Amino acid sequence: MTVSTLPRPTVLADFRSDTVTTPTPEMRRAMAEAAVGDDVYGEDPTISELQQELARLSGFEAGLFMPSGTMTNQVAIALHTRRGEEVICAEGSHIYEWELGMMATFSGVVPRFVPAPLGVPDPEDLRLAVRRSIHQSPTGMISLENTHNKAGGTVLPLEVLAAAREVATQEGVPLHLDGARVFNAAVALNVPLKEITRHFDTVSVCLSKGLGAPVGSVLLGSAAAMKQAHRYRKMMGGGMRQAGVLAAAALVALREGPARLAEDHRRTQVLARALVEAGFDVNLAAVQTNIIYVRLPEAQTQVDAWASKGVLASALGHDSVRFVLHHQVNDAALEAAISVLTA
């Protein structure tokens, strides 16, 4: 195999995801100084601090730190369902599209999709999707996603959340939130986090996306649910030992990250408008937070061409390109990237 000796292009801007950010100096200092213990035994003080702080912010009794949002979502599904049941979710939901069939593999359940224009399901469709017949798989839970990644980082209105809660209560099924980017939703709605999370039985929050932590997500719920979740986390291989070094960086992200999200959203609008003005197919109505989808034939070919000039994006499918803004794309980087993308 021949190894290329050609220099790689300087990366002007990395829009592949908001997970690509590197730890800030403040995070690295916190990691170096973190108090640690064995978290499988519940003895890591920094992880406990993170779990308690996020639980307070979101209005829950308890939280449980895990390596990824996929794990927090799938532990929630395991908590709420029994084998052979269905999970009602909006079309395009991350728990189906990007979690590798884990709901079937681990929990033995299957999805039932409802339409979701711009990522927002009609609560009445959620109600109609509930199954109780002996001839069909019964409904185990309802899961919503806020913001909705595949729809373009779109935000679920508060009235939809309230109506979904009413449906779940009346139908006697638990309601889970995949809140990977729920802080983006709170900033876009200009409300405290609790105004979103209060409608749900469990909530998954990623700290490694827009908030900028290097690793980690937290599942939130009742103390009893988190005790059971601890077992499922261990079953999935998510028991981390002296992981307070990761929680220390996540605490910095939790305390400092939300204040930066409005700037990410502003820059996303700048990039979206520049792409539209250059003739790209972007649904501006879907550009509500920090994600842009562009409809583009031969998407991978175009992404490769941009990468050769130092601008990184993700080809998702043969005709779709995703751009995700984050705090390590500043105004100068954005301007340089736009020059490449619109040349």
C-alpha atoms as a PDB file:
ATOM      1  CA  MET A   1       0.000   0.000   0.000  1.00  0.00           C
ATOM      2  CA  THR A   2       1.354   3.401  -0.983  1.00  0.00           C
ATOM      3  CA  VAL A   3       1.141   6.085   1.663  1.00  0.00           C
ATOM      4  CA  SER A   4       0.596   9.564   0.310  1.00  0.00           C
ATOM      5  CA  THR A   5       3.250  12.118   1.208  1.00  0.00           C
ATOM      6  CA  LEU A   6       1.186  15.037  -0.047  1.00  0.00           C
ATOM      7  CA  PRO A   7       0.342  17.581   2.653  1.00  0.00           C
ATOM      8  CA  ARG A   8      -3.212  17.513   3.876  1.00  0.00           C
ATOM      9  CA  PRO A   9      -5.171  20.712   3.359  1.00  0.00           C
ATOM     10  CA  THR A  10      -5.569  22.974   6.358  1.00  0.00           C
ATOM     11  CA  VAL A  11      -9.035  22.567   7.814  1.00  0.00           C
ATOM     12  CA  LEU A  12     -10.780  25.917   7.576  1.00  0.00           C
ATOM     13  CA  ALA A  13     -14.019  24.720   9.183  1.00  0.00           C
ATOM     14  CA  ASP A  14     -15.333  21.349  10.296  1.00  0.00           C
ATOM     15  CA  PHE A  15     -19.108  21.181   9.879  1.00  0.00           C
ATOM     16  CA  ARG A  16     -19.417  17.382  10.050  1.00  0.00           C
ATOM     17  CA  SER A  17     -20.997  17.507  13.509  1.00  0.00           C
ATOM     18  CA  ASP A  18     -20.961  19.447  16.760  1.00  0.00           C
ATOM     19  CA  THR A  19     -19.283  16.361  18.239  1.00  0.00           C
ATOM     20  CA  VAL A  20     -15.956  17.250  16.579  1.00  0.00           C
ATOM     21  CA  THR A  21     -15.061  19.995  19.058  1.00  0.00           C
ATOM     22  CA  THR A  22     -11.946  19.510  21.164  1.00  0.00           C
ATOM     23  CA  PRO A  23     -11.739  20.207  24.917  1.00  0.00           C
ATOM     24  CA  THR A  24     -11.156  23.823  25.855  1.00  0.00           C
ATOM     25  CA  PRO A  25      -8.235  24.792  28.123  1.00  0.00           C
ATOM     26  CA  GLU A  26     -10.733  25.145  30.984  1.00  0.00           C
ATOM     27  CA  MET A  27     -11.944  21.603  30.376  1.00  0.00           C
ATOM     28  CA  ARG A  28      -8.411  20.224  30.288  1.00  0.00           C
ATOM     29  CA  ARG A  29      -7.570  21.905  33.589  1.00  0.00           C
ATOM     30  CA  ALA A  30     -10.742  20.551  35.165  1.00  0.00           C
ATOM     31  CA  MET A  31      -9.924  17.065  33.901  1.00  0.00           C
ATOM     32  CA  ALA A  32      -6.412  17.213  35.354  1.00  0.00           C
ATOM     33  CA  GLU A  33      -7.691  18.299  38.751  1.00  0.00           C
ATOM     34  CA  ALA A  34     -10.835  16.146  38.987  1.00  0.00           C
ATOM     35  CA  ALA A  35     -11.586  14.138  42.096  1.00  0.00           C
ATOM     36  CA  VAL A  36     -12.379  10.570  41.060  1.00  0.00           C
ATOM     37  CA  GLY A  37     -13.669   7.270  42.390  1.00  0.00           C
ATOM     38  CA  ASP A  38     -15.163   4.043  41.068  1.00  0.00           C
ATOM     39  CA  ASP A  39     -18.416   5.091  39.402  1.00  0.00           C
ATOM     40  CA  VAL A  40     -19.700   1.530  38.989  1.00  0.00           C
ATOM     41  CA  TYR A  41     -19.942   1.602  42.779  1.00  0.00           C
ATOM     42  CA  GLY A  42     -21.382   5.132  42.639  1.00  0.00           C
ATOM     43  CA  GLU A  43     -18.261   6.532  44.287  1.00  0.00           C
ATOM     44  CA  ASP A  44     -16.998   9.085  41.775  1.00  0.00           C
ATOM     45  CA  PRO A  45     -17.692  12.515  43.319  1.00  0.00           C
ATOM     46  CA  THR A  46     -17.322  14.473  40.079  1.00  0.00           C
ATOM     47  CA  ILE A  47     -19.778  12.248  38.235  1.00  0.00           C
ATOM     48  CA  SER A  48     -22.194  12.568  41.147  1.00  0.00           C
ATOM     49  CA  GLU A  49     -21.878  16.357  40.980  1.00  0.00           C
ATOM     50  CA  LEU A  50     -22.604  16.344  37.247  1.00  0.00           C
ATOM     51  CA  GLN A  51     -25.626  14.084  37.627  1.00  0.00           C
ATOM     52  CA  GLN A  52     -27.057  16.149  40.468  1.00  0.00           C
ATOM     53  CA  GLU A  53     -26.504  19.486  38.737  1.00  0.00           C
ATOM     54  CA  LEU A  54     -28.172  18.423  35.507  1.00  0.00           C
ATOM     55  CA  ALA A  55     -31.026  16.817  37.445  1.00  0.00           C
ATOM     56  CA  ARG A  56     -31.639  20.133  39.233  1.00  0.00           C
ATOM     57  CA  LEU A  57     -31.565  22.084  35.975  1.00  0.00           C
ATOM     58  CA  SER A  58     -34.065  19.731  34.347  1.00  0.00           C
ATOM     59  CA  GLY A  59     -36.342  19.141  37.339  1.00  0.00           C
ATOM     60  CA  PHE A  60     -35.668  15.437  37.835  1.00  0.00           C
ATOM     61  CA  GLU A  61     -34.781  13.470  40.927  1.00  0.00           C
ATOM     62  CA  ALA A  62     -31.669  11.853  39.504  1.00  0.00           C
ATOM     63  CA  GLY A  63     -29.386  11.367  36.543  1.00  0.00           C
ATOM     64  CA  LEU A  64     -26.989   8.709  35.287  1.00  0.00           C
ATOM     65  CA  PHE A  65     -23.818   9.494  33.307  1.00  0.00           C
ATOM     66  CA  MET A  66     -23.107   7.300  30.277  1.00  0.00           C
ATOM     67  CA  PRO A  67     -20.620   7.307  27.391  1.00  0.00           C
ATOM     68  CA  SER A  68     -23.090   8.245  24.659  1.00  0.00           C
ATOM     69  CA  GLY A  69     -26.547   9.441  23.752  1.00  0.00           C
ATOM     70  CA  THR A  70     -27.223   6.156  22.000  1.00  0.00           C
ATOM     71  CA  MET A  71     -26.701   4.387  25.306  1.00  0.00           C
ATOM     72  CA  THR A  72     -28.912   6.782  27.294  1.00  0.00           C
ATOM     73  CA  ASN A  73     -31.707   6.444  24.741  1.00  0.00           C
ATOM     74  CA  GLN A  74     -31.469   2.683  24.628  1.00  0.00           C
ATOM     75  CA  VAL A  75     -31.351   2.348  28.397  1.00  0.00           C
ATOM     76  CA  ALA A  76     -34.522   4.461  28.519  1.00  0.00           C
ATOM     77  CA  ILE A  77     -36.207   2.120  26.040  1.00  0.00           C
ATOM     78  CA  ALA A  78     -35.172  -0.862  28.159  1.00  0.00           C
ATOM     79  CA  LEU A  79     -36.594   0.845  31.244  1.00  0.00           C
ATOM     80  CA  HIS A  80     -39.982   1.587  29.730  1.00  0.00           C
ATOM     81  CA  THR A  81     -40.765  -1.413  27.524  1.00  0.00           C
ATOM     82  CA  ARG A  82     -41.153  -5.165  27.464  1.00  0.00           C
ATOM     83  CA  ARG A  83     -40.131  -7.472  24.631  1.00  0.00           C
ATOM     84  CA  GLY A  84     -42.549  -7.532  21.724  1.00  0.00           C
ATOM     85  CA  GLU A  85     -43.837  -3.993  22.295  1.00  0.00           C
ATOM     86  CA  GLU A  86     -43.688  -0.940  20.041  1.00  0.00           C
ATOM     87  CA  VAL A  87     -42.037   2.431  20.484  1.00  0.00           C
ATOM     88  CA  ILE A  88     -44.014   5.279  18.924  1.00  0.00           C
ATOM     89  CA  CYS A  89     -41.643   7.825  17.432  1.00  0.00           C
ATOM     90  CA  ALA A  90     -41.553  10.544  14.811  1.00  0.00           C
ATOM     91  CA  GLU A  91     -40.341   9.548  11.368  1.00  0.00           C
ATOM     92  CA  GLY A  92     -36.605  10.076  11.042  1.00  0.00           C
ATOM     93  CA  SER A  93     -35.984   9.673  14.769  1.00  0.00           C
ATOM     94  CA  HIS A  94     -32.394   9.146  15.853  1.00  0.00           C
ATOM     95  CA  ILE A  95     -33.322   6.133  18.015  1.00  0.00           C
ATOM     96  CA  TYR A  96     -34.194   4.314  14.780  1.00  0.00           C
ATOM     97  CA  GLU A  97     -32.078   5.922  12.070  1.00  0.00           C
ATOM     98  CA  TRP A  98     -28.706   6.092  13.822  1.00  0.00           C
ATOM     99  CA  GLU A  99     -28.764   3.619  16.706  1.00  0.00           C
ATOM    100  CA  LEU A 100     -28.116   0.467  14.695  1.00  0.00           C
ATOM    101  CA  GLY A 101     -31.293  -1.443  15.472  1.00  0.00           C
ATOM    102  CA  MET A 102     -30.415  -1.510  19.158  1.00  0.00           C
ATOM    103  CA  MET A 103     -34.042  -1.241  20.294  1.00  0.00           C
ATOM    104  CA  ALA A 104     -34.679  -4.597  18.639  1.00  0.00           C
ATOM    105  CA  THR A 105     -31.330  -6.145  19.575  1.00  0.00           C
ATOM    106  CA  PHE A 106     -31.323  -5.246  23.259  1.00  0.00           C
ATOM    107  CA  SER A 107     -34.943  -4.606  24.226  1.00  0.00           C
ATOM    108  CA  GLY A 108     -36.758  -6.706  21.641  1.00  0.00           C
ATOM    109  CA  VAL A 109     -39.054  -3.871  20.558  1.00  0.00           C
ATOM    110  CA  VAL A 110     -39.871  -2.273  17.224  1.00  0.00           C
ATOM    111  CA  PRO A 111     -40.687   1.291  16.139  1.00  0.00           C
ATOM    112  CA  ARG A 112     -44.052   2.585  14.989  1.00  0.00           C
ATOM    113  CA  PHE A 113     -43.559   5.828  13.089  1.00  0.00           C
ATOM    114  CA  VAL A 114     -45.876   8.811  12.921  1.00  0.00           C
ATOM    115  CA  PRO A 115     -45.595  11.617  10.351  1.00  0.00           C
ATOM    116  CA  ALA A 116     -43.529  14.584  11.512  1.00  0.00           C
ATOM    117  CA  PRO A 117     -43.403  17.563   9.145  1.00  0.00           C
ATOM    118  CA  LEU A 118     -40.308  19.555  10.100  1.00  0.00           C
ATOM    119  CA  GLY A 119     -39.761  16.983  12.825  1.00  0.00           C
ATOM    120  CA  VAL A 120     -42.962  17.886  14.694  1.00  0.00           C
ATOM    121  CA  PRO A 121     -45.558  15.104  15.104  1.00  0.00           C
ATOM    122  CA  ASP A 122     -49.234  15.883  15.541  1.00  0.00           C
ATOM    123  CA  PRO A 123     -50.206  14.790  19.085  1.00  0.00           C
ATOM    124  CA  GLU A 124     -53.388  13.275  17.689  1.00  0.00           C
ATOM    125  CA  ASP A 125     -51.256  11.033  15.461  1.00  0.00           C
ATOM    126  CA  LEU A 126     -49.420   9.916  18.600  1.00  0.00           C
ATOM    127  CA  ARG A 127     -52.746   9.012  20.152  1.00  0.00           C
ATOM    128  CA  LEU A 128     -53.933   7.116  17.077  1.00  0.00           C
ATOM    129  CA  ALA A 129     -50.662   5.173  16.974  1.00  0.00           C
ATOM    130  CA  VAL A 130     -51.271   3.606  20.402  1.00  0.00           C
ATOM    131  CA  ARG A 131     -52.027  -0.117  20.024  1.00  0.00           C
ATOM    132  CA  ARG A 132     -54.000  -2.248  22.484  1.00  0.00           C
ATOM    133  CA  SER A 133     -55.407  -5.042  20.286  1.00  0.00           C
ATOM    134  CA  ILE A 134     -54.441  -8.621  21.108  1.00  0.00           C
ATOM    135  CA  HIS A 135     -53.666  -8.960  17.397  1.00  0.00           C
ATOM    136  CA  GLN A 136     -50.976  -6.251  17.382  1.00  0.00           C
ATOM    137  CA  SER A 137     -47.827  -5.401  19.272  1.00  0.00           C
ATOM    138  CA  PRO A 138     -48.848  -3.248  22.236  1.00  0.00           C
ATOM    139  CA  THR A 139     -47.450   0.227  22.736  1.00  0.00           C
ATOM    140  CA  GLY A 140     -44.599   0.361  25.218  1.00  0.00           C
ATOM    141  CA  MET A 141     -43.626   4.033  25.097  1.00  0.00           C
ATOM    142  CA  ILE A 142     -43.632   7.247  23.098  1.00  0.00           C
ATOM    143  CA  SER A 143     -40.330   8.917  22.211  1.00  0.00           C
ATOM    144  CA  LEU A 144     -39.869  12.439  20.895  1.00  0.00           C
ATOM    145  CA  GLU A 145     -36.682  14.162  19.672  1.00  0.00           C
ATOM    146  CA  ASN A 146     -35.893  17.807  20.389  1.00  0.00           C
ATOM    147  CA  THR A 147     -34.196  19.192  18.433  1.00  0.00           C
ATOM    148  CA  HIS A 148     -34.980  16.802  15.584  1.00  0.00           C
ATOM    149  CA  ASN A 149     -31.694  16.064  13.862  1.00  0.00           C
ATOM    150  CA  LYS A 150     -32.840  14.579  10.563  1.00  0.00           C
ATOM    151  CA  ALA A 151     -35.513  17.227  10.077  1.00  0.00           C
ATOM    152  CA  GLY A 152     -32.796  19.883  10.231  1.00  0.00           C
ATOM    153  CA  GLY A 153     -32.337  20.660  13.912  1.00  0.00           C
ATOM    154  CA  THR A 154     -35.954  21.717  14.252  1.00  0.00           C
ATOM    155  CA  VAL A 155     -37.616  22.593  17.557  1.00  0.00           C
ATOM    156  CA  LEU A 156     -40.783  21.071  19.021  1.00  0.00           C
ATOM    157  CA  PRO A 157     -43.152  23.852  20.158  1.00  0.00           C
ATOM    158  CA  LEU A 158     -44.058  23.896  23.840  1.00  0.00           C
ATOM    159  CA  GLU A 159     -47.738  23.373  23.069  1.00  0.00           C
ATOM    160  CA  VAL A 160     -46.891  20.165  21.200  1.00  0.00           C
ATOM    161  CA  LEU A 161     -44.902  18.915  24.180  1.00  0.00           C
ATOM    162  CA  ALA A 162     -47.804  19.650  26.516  1.00  0.00           C
ATOM    163  CA  ALA A 163     -50.259  17.885  24.223  1.00  0.00           C
ATOM    164  CA  ALA A 164     -47.946  14.879  23.883  1.00  0.00           C
ATOM    165  CA  ARG A 165     -47.758  14.686  27.675  1.00  0.00           C
ATOM    166  CA  GLU A 166     -51.542  14.679  27.841  1.00  0.00           C
ATOM    167  CA  VAL A 167     -51.717  11.835  25.319  1.00  0.00           C
ATOM    168  CA  ALA A 168     -49.133   9.796  27.225  1.00  0.00           C
ATOM    169  CA  THR A 169     -50.937  10.319  30.529  1.00  0.00           C
ATOM    170  CA  GLN A 170     -54.367   9.484  29.145  1.00  0.00           C
ATOM    171  CA  GLU A 171     -53.082   6.394  27.343  1.00  0.00           C
ATOM    172  CA  GLY A 172     -50.981   5.247  30.289  1.00  0.00           C
ATOM    173  CA  VAL A 173     -47.674   5.027  28.399  1.00  0.00           C
ATOM    174  CA  PRO A 174     -44.332   6.577  29.366  1.00  0.00           C
ATOM    175  CA  LEU A 175     -42.945   9.546  27.414  1.00  0.00           C
ATOM    176  CA  HIS A 176     -39.219   9.791  26.686  1.00  0.00           C
ATOM    177  CA  LEU A 177     -37.258  12.680  25.176  1.00  0.00           C
ATOM    178  CA  ASP A 178     -34.182  12.193  23.057  1.00  0.00           C
ATOM    179  CA  GLY A 179     -32.800  15.576  24.061  1.00  0.00           C
ATOM    180  CA  ALA A 180     -29.396  15.226  22.444  1.00  0.00           C
ATOM    181  CA  ARG A 181     -29.588  18.934  21.594  1.00  0.00           C
ATOM    182  CA  VAL A 182     -32.284  19.978  24.057  1.00  0.00           C
ATOM    183  CA  PHE A 183     -30.219  22.971  25.180  1.00  0.00           C
ATOM    184  CA  ASN A 184     -30.324  24.212  21.580  1.00  0.00           C
ATOM    185  CA  ALA A 185     -34.105  23.882  21.735  1.00  0.00           C
ATOM    186  CA  ALA A 186     -34.285  25.808  25.016  1.00  0.00           C
ATOM    187  CA  VAL A 187     -32.165  28.621  23.585  1.00  0.00           C
ATOM    188  CA  ALA A 188     -34.245  28.768  20.402  1.00  0.00           C
ATOM    189  CA  LEU A 189     -37.469  28.906  22.457  1.00  0.00           C
ATOM    190  CA  ASN A 190     -35.894  31.297  24.990  1.00  0.00           C
ATOM    191  CA  VAL A 191     -37.103  29.222  27.924  1.00  0.00           C
ATOM    192  CA  PRO A 192     -35.386  27.460  30.852  1.00  0.00           C
ATOM    193  CA  LEU A 193     -34.532  23.824  30.275  1.00  0.00           C
ATOM    194  CA  LYS A 194     -37.249  22.729  32.735  1.00  0.00           C
ATOM    195  CA  GLU A 195     -39.962  24.158  30.497  1.00  0.00           C
ATOM    196  CA  ILE A 196     -39.124  21.418  27.998  1.00  0.00           C
ATOM    197  CA  THR A 197     -38.083  18.533  30.222  1.00  0.00           C
ATOM    198  CA  ARG A 198     -40.983  18.760  32.682  1.00  0.00           C
ATOM    199  CA  HIS A 199     -43.278  16.984  30.231  1.00  0.00           C
ATOM    200  CA  PHE A 200     -41.260  13.743  30.154  1.00  0.00           C
ATOM    201  CA  ASP A 201     -40.717  10.640  32.266  1.00  0.00           C
ATOM    202  CA  THR A 202     -37.111  10.338  31.127  1.00  0.00           C
ATOM    203  CA  VAL A 203     -34.806  12.620  29.165  1.00  0.00           C
ATOM    204  CA  SER A 204     -31.493  11.897  27.450  1.00  0.00           C
ATOM    205  CA  VAL A 205     -29.112  14.883  27.268  1.00  0.00           C
ATOM    206  CA  CYS A 206     -25.863  14.838  25.278  1.00  0.00           C
ATOM    207  CA  LEU A 207     -23.039  16.934  26.662  1.00  0.00           C
ATOM    208  CA  SER A 208     -20.695  16.193  23.757  1.00  0.00           C
ATOM    209  CA  LYS A 209     -22.691  17.954  21.042  1.00  0.00           C
ATOM    210  CA  GLY A 210     -23.426  21.685  21.128  1.00  0.00           C
ATOM    211  CA  LEU A 211     -22.235  22.089  24.711  1.00  0.00           C
ATOM    212  CA  GLY A 212     -18.775  20.934  23.672  1.00  0.00           C
ATOM    213  CA  ALA A 213     -17.773  18.227  26.159  1.00  0.00           C
ATOM    214  CA  PRO A 214     -15.414  15.567  24.788  1.00  0.00           C
ATOM    215  CA  VAL A 215     -17.514  12.600  26.015  1.00  0.00           C
ATOM    216  CA  GLY A 216     -20.760  11.846  27.724  1.00  0.00           C
ATOM    217  CA  SER A 217     -24.525  11.939  28.027  1.00  0.00           C
ATOM    218  CA  VAL A 218     -26.843  11.830  31.024  1.00  0.00           C
ATOM    219  CA  LEU A 219     -30.150  10.010  31.378  1.00  0.00           C
ATOM    220  CA  LEU A 220     -32.572  11.803  33.698  1.00  0.00           C
ATOM    221  CA  GLY A 221     -35.580  10.446  35.536  1.00  0.00           C
ATOM    222  CA  SER A 222     -36.828   9.326  38.915  1.00  0.00           C
ATOM    223  CA  ALA A 223     -34.412   7.940  41.491  1.00  0.00           C
ATOM    224  CA  ALA A 224     -36.029   4.511  41.169  1.00  0.00           C
ATOM    225  CA  ALA A 225     -35.706   4.563  37.374  1.00  0.00           C
ATOM    226  CA  MET A 226     -32.050   5.557  37.551  1.00  0.00           C
ATOM    227  CA  LYS A 227     -31.355   2.695  39.953  1.00  0.00           C
ATOM    228  CA  GLN A 228     -32.697   0.286  37.335  1.00  0.00           C
ATOM    229  CA  ALA A 229     -30.920   2.212  34.573  1.00  0.00           C
ATOM    230  CA  HIS A 230     -27.631   1.592  36.381  1.00  0.00           C
ATOM    231  CA  ARG A 231     -28.145  -2.133  35.793  1.00  0.00           C
ATOM    232  CA  TYR A 232     -28.914  -1.690  32.104  1.00  0.00           C
ATOM    233  CA  ARG A 233     -25.886   0.575  31.689  1.00  0.00           C
ATOM    234  CA  LYS A 234     -23.715  -2.172  33.139  1.00  0.00           C
ATOM    235  CA  MET A 235     -25.295  -4.749  30.822  1.00  0.00           C
ATOM    236  CA  MET A 236     -24.431  -2.576  27.810  1.00  0.00           C
ATOM    237  CA  GLY A 237     -20.825  -2.240  28.923  1.00  0.00           C
ATOM    238  CA  GLY A 238     -21.219   1.357  29.985  1.00  0.00           C
ATOM    239  CA  GLY A 239     -19.856   1.021  33.498  1.00  0.00           C
ATOM    240  CA  MET A 240     -16.903   3.408  33.584  1.00  0.00           C
ATOM    241  CA  ARG A 241     -14.598   3.420  36.571  1.00  0.00           C
ATOM    242  CA  GLN A 242     -12.660   6.582  37.494  1.00  0.00           C
ATOM    243  CA  ALA A 243     -14.493   8.567  34.842  1.00  0.00           C
ATOM    244  CA  GLY A 244     -14.650  11.793  36.837  1.00  0.00           C
ATOM    245  CA  VAL A 245     -12.040  13.153  34.459  1.00  0.00           C
ATOM    246  CA  LEU A 246     -14.737  13.033  31.763  1.00  0.00           C
ATOM    247  CA  ALA A 247     -17.451  14.408  34.026  1.00  0.00           C
ATOM    248  CA  ALA A 248     -15.187  17.321  34.959  1.00  0.00           C
ATOM    249  CA  ALA A 249     -15.018  18.430  31.338  1.00  0.00           C
ATOM    250  CA  ALA A 250     -18.760  17.836  31.000  1.00  0.00           C
ATOM    251  CA  LEU A 251     -19.416  20.108  34.004  1.00  0.00           C
ATOM    252  CA  VAL A 252     -17.497  22.907  32.317  1.00  0.00           C
ATOM    253  CA  ALA A 253     -19.523  22.302  29.158  1.00  0.00           C
ATOM    254  CA  LEU A 254     -22.777  22.317  31.114  1.00  0.00           C
ATOM    255  CA  ARG A 255     -21.931  25.574  32.874  1.00  0.00           C
ATOM    256  CA  GLU A 256     -20.416  27.460  29.947  1.00  0.00           C
ATOM    257  CA  GLY A 257     -21.833  25.849  26.812  1.00  0.00           C
ATOM    258  CA  PRO A 258     -25.459  27.044  26.801  1.00  0.00           C
ATOM    259  CA  ALA A 259     -24.414  30.709  26.663  1.00  0.00           C
ATOM    260  CA  ARG A 260     -22.620  30.064  23.352  1.00  0.00           C
ATOM    261  CA  LEU A 261     -25.484  28.367  21.545  1.00  0.00           C
ATOM    262  CA  ALA A 262     -27.213  31.548  20.372  1.00  0.00           C
ATOM    263  CA  GLU A 263     -24.051  32.465  18.468  1.00  0.00           C
ATOM    264  CA  ASP A 264     -24.005  29.016  16.861  1.00  0.00           C
ATOM    265  CA  HIS A 265     -27.606  29.577  15.774  1.00  0.00           C
ATOM    266  CA  ARG A 266     -26.779  33.024  14.377  1.00  0.00           C
ATOM    267  CA  ARG A 267     -23.866  31.682  12.350  1.00  0.00           C
ATOM    268  CA  THR A 268     -26.062  28.855  11.087  1.00  0.00           C
ATOM    269  CA  GLN A 269     -28.475  31.414   9.666  1.00  0.00           C
ATOM    270  CA  VAL A 270     -25.582  33.260   8.006  1.00  0.00           C
ATOM    271  CA  LEU A 271     -24.343  30.075   6.361  1.00  0.00           C
ATOM    272  CA  ALA A 272     -27.827  28.960   5.315  1.00  0.00           C
ATOM    273  CA  ARG A 273     -28.578  32.273   3.625  1.00  0.00           C
ATOM    274  CA  ALA A 274     -25.204  32.252   1.865  1.00  0.00           C
ATOM    275  CA  LEU A 275     -25.884  28.750   0.526  1.00  0.00           C
ATOM    276  CA  VAL A 276     -29.336  29.745  -0.721  1.00  0.00           C
ATOM    277  CA  GLU A 277     -27.959  32.860  -2.395  1.00  0.00           C
ATOM    278  CA  ALA A 278     -25.385  30.656  -4.128  1.00  0.00           C
ATOM    279  CA  GLY A 279     -28.185  28.496  -5.541  1.00  0.00           C
ATOM    280  CA  PHE A 280     -28.144  25.547  -3.152  1.00  0.00           C
ATOM    281  CA  ASP A 281     -31.397  23.802  -2.215  1.00  0.00           C
ATOM    282  CA  VAL A 282     -31.940  24.588   1.479  1.00  0.00           C
ATOM    283  CA  ASN A 283     -35.294  24.623   3.262  1.00  0.00           C
ATOM    284  CA  LEU A 284     -34.821  27.736   5.364  1.00  0.00           C
ATOM    285  CA  ALA A 285     -37.921  26.935   7.416  1.00  0.00           C
ATOM    286  CA  ALA A 286     -36.035  23.937   8.805  1.00  0.00           C
ATOM    287  CA  VAL A 287     -32.985  25.979   9.806  1.00  0.00           C
ATOM    288  CA  GLN A 288     -33.975  26.735  13.377  1.00  0.00           C
ATOM    289  CA  THR A 289     -30.881  25.947  15.452  1.00  0.00           C
ATOM    290  CA  ASN A 290     -27.393  24.778  14.425  1.00  0.00           C
ATOM    291  CA  ILE A 291     -28.040  22.295  11.588  1.00  0.00           C
ATOM    292  CA  ILE A 292     -28.448  22.777   7.839  1.00  0.00           C
ATOM    293  CA  TYR A 293     -29.383  20.126   5.288  1.00  0.00           C
ATOM    294  CA  VAL A 294     -28.685  20.739   1.599  1.00  0.00           C
ATOM    295  CA  ARG A 295     -30.297  18.676  -1.141  1.00  0.00           C
ATOM    296  CA  LEU A 296     -27.505  17.993  -3.586  1.00  0.00           C
ATOM    297  CA  PRO A 297     -27.011  15.293  -6.251  1.00  0.00           C
ATOM    298  CA  GLU A 298     -23.769  13.323  -5.956  1.00  0.00           C
ATOM    299  CA  ALA A 299     -23.443  14.515  -2.387  1.00  0.00           C
ATOM    300  CA  GLN A 300     -20.307  12.540  -1.530  1.00  0.00           C
ATOM    301  CA  THR A 301     -18.464  13.819  -4.596  1.00  0.00           C
ATOM    302  CA  GLN A 302     -19.204  17.410  -3.607  1.00  0.00           C
ATOM    303  CA  VAL A 303     -18.252  16.782   0.018  1.00  0.00           C
ATOM    304  CA  ASP A 304     -14.932  15.309  -1.103  1.00  0.00           C
ATOM    305  CA  ALA A 305     -14.268  18.339  -3.292  1.00  0.00           C
ATOM    306  CA  TRP A 306     -14.922  20.725  -0.408  1.00  0.00           C
ATOM    307  CA  ALA A 307     -12.739  18.634   1.898  1.00  0.00           C
ATOM    308  CA  SER A 308      -9.830  19.004  -0.526  1.00  0.00           C
ATOM    309  CA  LYS A 309     -10.143  22.751   0.076  1.00  0.00           C
ATOM    310  CA  GLY A 310     -10.360  22.508   3.854  1.00  0.00           C
ATOM    311  CA  VAL A 311     -14.123  22.570   4.471  1.00  0.00           C
ATOM    312  CA  LEU A 312     -15.588  19.428   6.009  1.00  0.00           C
ATOM    313  CA  ALA A 313     -19.263  18.409   5.877  1.00  0.00           C
ATOM    314  CA  SER A 314     -21.195  15.120   6.003  1.00  0.00           C
ATOM    315  CA  ALA A 315     -22.821  13.388   3.068  1.00  0.00           C
ATOM    316  CA  LEU A 316     -25.889  11.659   4.497  1.00  0.00           C
ATOM    317  CA  GLY A 317     -27.274   9.618   1.670  1.00  0.00           C
ATOM    318  CA  HIS A 318     -26.654  10.102  -2.022  1.00  0.00           C
ATOM    319  CA  ASP A 319     -28.322  13.507  -2.266  1.00  0.00           C
ATOM    320  CA  SER A 320     -28.087  15.147   1.151  1.00  0.00           C
ATOM    321  CA  VAL A 321     -25.308  17.109   2.853  1.00  0.00           C
ATOM    322  CA  ARG A 322     -25.411  18.175   6.481  1.00  0.00           C
ATOM    323  CA  PHE A 323     -23.643  21.149   8.054  1.00  0.00           C
ATOM    324  CA  VAL A 324     -23.550  21.489  11.850  1.00  0.00           C
ATOM    325  CA  LEU A 325     -22.305  24.647  13.540  1.00  0.00           C
ATOM    326  CA  HIS A 326     -20.507  24.681  16.901  1.00  0.00           C
ATOM    327  CA  HIS A 327     -18.473  27.025  19.073  1.00  0.00           C
ATOM    328  CA  GLN A 328     -15.166  26.169  17.385  1.00  0.00           C
ATOM    329  CA  VAL A 329     -16.361  27.634  14.081  1.00  0.00           C
ATOM    330  CA  ASN A 330     -15.937  31.358  14.661  1.00  0.00           C
ATOM    331  CA  ASP A 331     -16.843  34.230  12.331  1.00  0.00           C
ATOM    332  CA  ALA A 332     -13.486  34.175  10.554  1.00  0.00           C
ATOM    333  CA  ALA A 333     -13.680  30.439   9.931  1.00  0.00           C
ATOM    334  CA  LEU A 334     -17.252  30.776   8.736  1.00  0.00           C
ATOM    335  CA  GLU A 335     -16.318  33.512   6.267  1.00  0.00           C
ATOM    336  CA  ALA A 336     -13.449  31.436   4.893  1.00  0.00           C
ATOM    337  CA  ALA A 337     -15.715  28.415   4.558  1.00  0.00           C
ATOM    338  CA  ILE A 338     -18.434  30.346   2.764  1.00  0.00           C
ATOM    339  CA  SER A 339     -15.854  31.498   0.223  1.00  0.00           C
ATOM    340  CA  VAL A 340     -15.039  27.871  -0.543  1.00  0.00           C
ATOM    341  CA  LEU A 341     -18.608  26.617  -0.540  1.00  0.00           C
ATOM    342  CA  THR A 342     -19.965  29.337  -2.798  1.00  0.00           C
ATOM    343  CA  ALA A 343     -17.025  29.628  -5.201  1.00  0.00           C
END
